[in-house]
Amino acid sequence: MMKDKKVGRPKLSPAEKLKYRIAVNLCTKDFYALKAKATQAGMTCTELARQAITGCQIRQRLTPEQMDCIRKLSGMGNNLNQIARKANAEGYANIRSEYLYLADKIDNVLTLLEDGSKNN
């Protein structure tokens, strides 16, 4: 005798099922604010509301400006590695000014990223 194989998704426990519904009435301003926040977070309005209710911290995606800063920071890190390689080959005294200039630029980009994350 052969047992039937179970197919499909496993059943959710009663605690995991989304069986309760709530109706929320919003004015036009609040509705579009909710819709904009959901779009920024990359989720549906329902999922955003569910996470807000459960107390999770909702963070928006990185802005294009922040992504640009991260790309620049990555490039500067690569440049810093090249400077270190050059310093090991030629001696450290010749490379000091290049290093200080790049370190200052990296500090500026990090400050921009920190300021951007505080404003959101």
Protein backbone atom coordinates (compact mmCIF):
# COMPACT_ATOMS: atom_id res chain seq x y z
CA MET A 1 0.00 0.00 0.00
CA MET A 2 1.35 3.42 -0.96
CA LYS A 3 0.75 6.63 0.99
CA ASP A 4 -0.46 9.67 -0.90
CA LYS A 5 2.23 12.28 -1.32
CA LYS A 6 1.27 15.71 -0.09
CA VAL A 7 1.58 18.38 -2.71
CA GLY A 8 1.43 22.13 -2.49
CA ARG A 9 2.22 24.58 0.20
CA PRO A 10 2.08 23.38 3.80
CA LYS A 11 -0.89 24.62 5.81
CA LEU A 12 -0.32 27.60 8.06
CA SER A 13 -0.91 27.30 11.76
CA PRO A 14 -3.92 29.22 13.10
CA ALA A 15 -1.55 31.85 14.57
CA GLU A 16 0.06 32.45 11.17
CA LYS A 17 -3.15 32.80 9.16
CA LEU A 18 -4.22 36.29 8.17
CA LYS A 19 -7.90 35.82 8.91
CA TYR A 20 -8.84 39.16 10.47
CA ARG A 21 -9.73 42.23 8.46
CA ILE A 22 -10.02 45.83 9.51
CA ALA A 23 -11.53 48.68 7.57
CA VAL A 24 -9.77 52.02 7.76
CA ASN A 25 -11.17 55.24 6.36
CA LEU A 26 -8.60 57.81 5.34
CA CYS A 27 -8.89 61.32 4.04
CA THR A 28 -7.30 62.04 0.66
CA LYS A 29 -4.16 63.53 2.21
CA ASP A 30 -3.56 60.54 4.51
CA PHE A 31 -4.29 58.02 1.75
CA TYR A 32 -1.72 59.50 -0.61
CA ALA A 33 0.80 59.86 2.22
CA LEU A 34 0.37 56.15 3.01
CA LYS A 35 0.65 55.24 -0.66
CA ALA A 36 3.86 57.31 -1.05
CA LYS A 37 5.46 55.74 2.03
CA ALA A 38 4.57 52.26 0.82
CA THR A 39 6.11 52.99 -2.58
CA GLN A 40 9.30 54.34 -0.95
CA ALA A 41 9.54 51.23 1.21
CA GLY A 42 8.87 48.97 -1.79
CA MET A 43 5.79 47.26 -0.35
CA THR A 44 2.02 47.36 -0.54
CA CYS A 45 -0.08 49.65 1.62
CA THR A 46 -1.45 46.61 3.44
CA GLU A 47 2.01 45.26 4.27
CA LEU A 48 3.17 48.71 5.39
CA ALA A 49 0.17 49.03 7.73
CA ARG A 50 0.72 45.50 9.06
CA GLN A 51 4.37 46.23 9.87
CA ALA A 52 3.47 49.56 11.45
CA ILE A 53 0.95 47.83 13.68
CA THR A 54 3.39 45.16 14.82
CA GLY A 55 5.86 47.86 15.86
CA CYS A 56 8.53 47.14 13.28
CA GLN A 57 10.66 50.01 12.18
CA ILE A 58 9.91 50.83 8.56
CA ARG A 59 12.81 52.19 6.56
CA GLN A 60 12.66 53.58 3.09
CA ARG A 61 14.97 52.48 0.33
CA LEU A 62 18.19 54.32 -0.26
CA THR A 63 17.72 57.43 -2.34
CA PRO A 64 19.55 57.76 -5.66
CA GLU A 65 21.79 60.38 -4.00
CA GLN A 66 22.73 57.94 -1.23
CA MET A 67 23.41 55.18 -3.76
CA ASP A 68 25.65 57.60 -5.68
CA CYS A 69 27.56 58.41 -2.49
CA ILE A 70 28.05 54.71 -1.78
CA ARG A 71 29.39 54.13 -5.31
CA LYS A 72 31.79 57.06 -4.88
CA LEU A 73 32.89 55.73 -1.50
CA SER A 74 33.58 52.32 -3.04
CA GLY A 75 35.69 53.93 -5.76
CA MET A 76 37.61 55.93 -3.17
CA GLY A 77 38.28 52.73 -1.23
CA ASN A 78 39.72 51.20 -4.38
CA ASN A 79 41.89 54.29 -4.90
CA LEU A 80 43.08 54.04 -1.31
CA ASN A 81 44.12 50.44 -1.90
CA GLN A 82 46.07 51.50 -4.99
CA ILE A 83 47.77 54.25 -2.98
CA ALA A 84 48.74 51.72 -0.30
CA ARG A 85 50.21 49.43 -2.94
CA LYS A 86 52.14 52.35 -4.44
CA ALA A 87 53.32 53.41 -0.97
CA ASN A 88 54.67 49.94 -0.28
CA ALA A 89 56.53 49.98 -3.60
CA GLU A 90 57.92 53.55 -3.60
CA GLY A 91 58.05 54.53 0.04
CA TYR A 92 55.56 56.28 2.24
CA ALA A 93 56.91 59.84 2.11
CA ASN A 94 56.01 60.33 -1.56
CA ILE A 95 52.38 59.26 -1.12
CA ARG A 96 51.38 61.23 2.01
CA SER A 97 49.67 64.15 0.20
CA GLU A 98 47.62 61.81 -2.03
CA TYR A 99 46.53 59.85 1.04
CA LEU A 100 45.48 62.98 2.98
CA TYR A 101 43.47 64.30 0.03
CA LEU A 102 41.61 61.01 -0.44
CA ALA A 103 41.00 60.58 3.30
CA ASP A 104 39.41 64.06 3.39
CA LYS A 105 37.12 63.19 0.45
CA ILE A 106 36.07 59.94 2.13
CA ASP A 107 35.22 61.85 5.32
CA ASN A 108 33.06 64.26 3.28
CA VAL A 109 31.13 61.42 1.62
CA LEU A 110 30.56 59.68 4.95
CA THR A 111 29.24 62.94 6.41
CA LEU A 112 26.85 63.29 3.47
CA LEU A 113 25.58 59.74 4.00
CA GLU A 114 25.10 60.28 7.73
CA ASP A 115 23.26 63.57 7.18
CA GLY A 116 21.04 61.94 4.56
CA SER A 117 20.07 59.08 6.87
CA LYS A 118 19.23 61.49 9.71
CA ASN A 119 16.88 63.50 7.50
CA ASN A 120 14.84 60.41 6.54
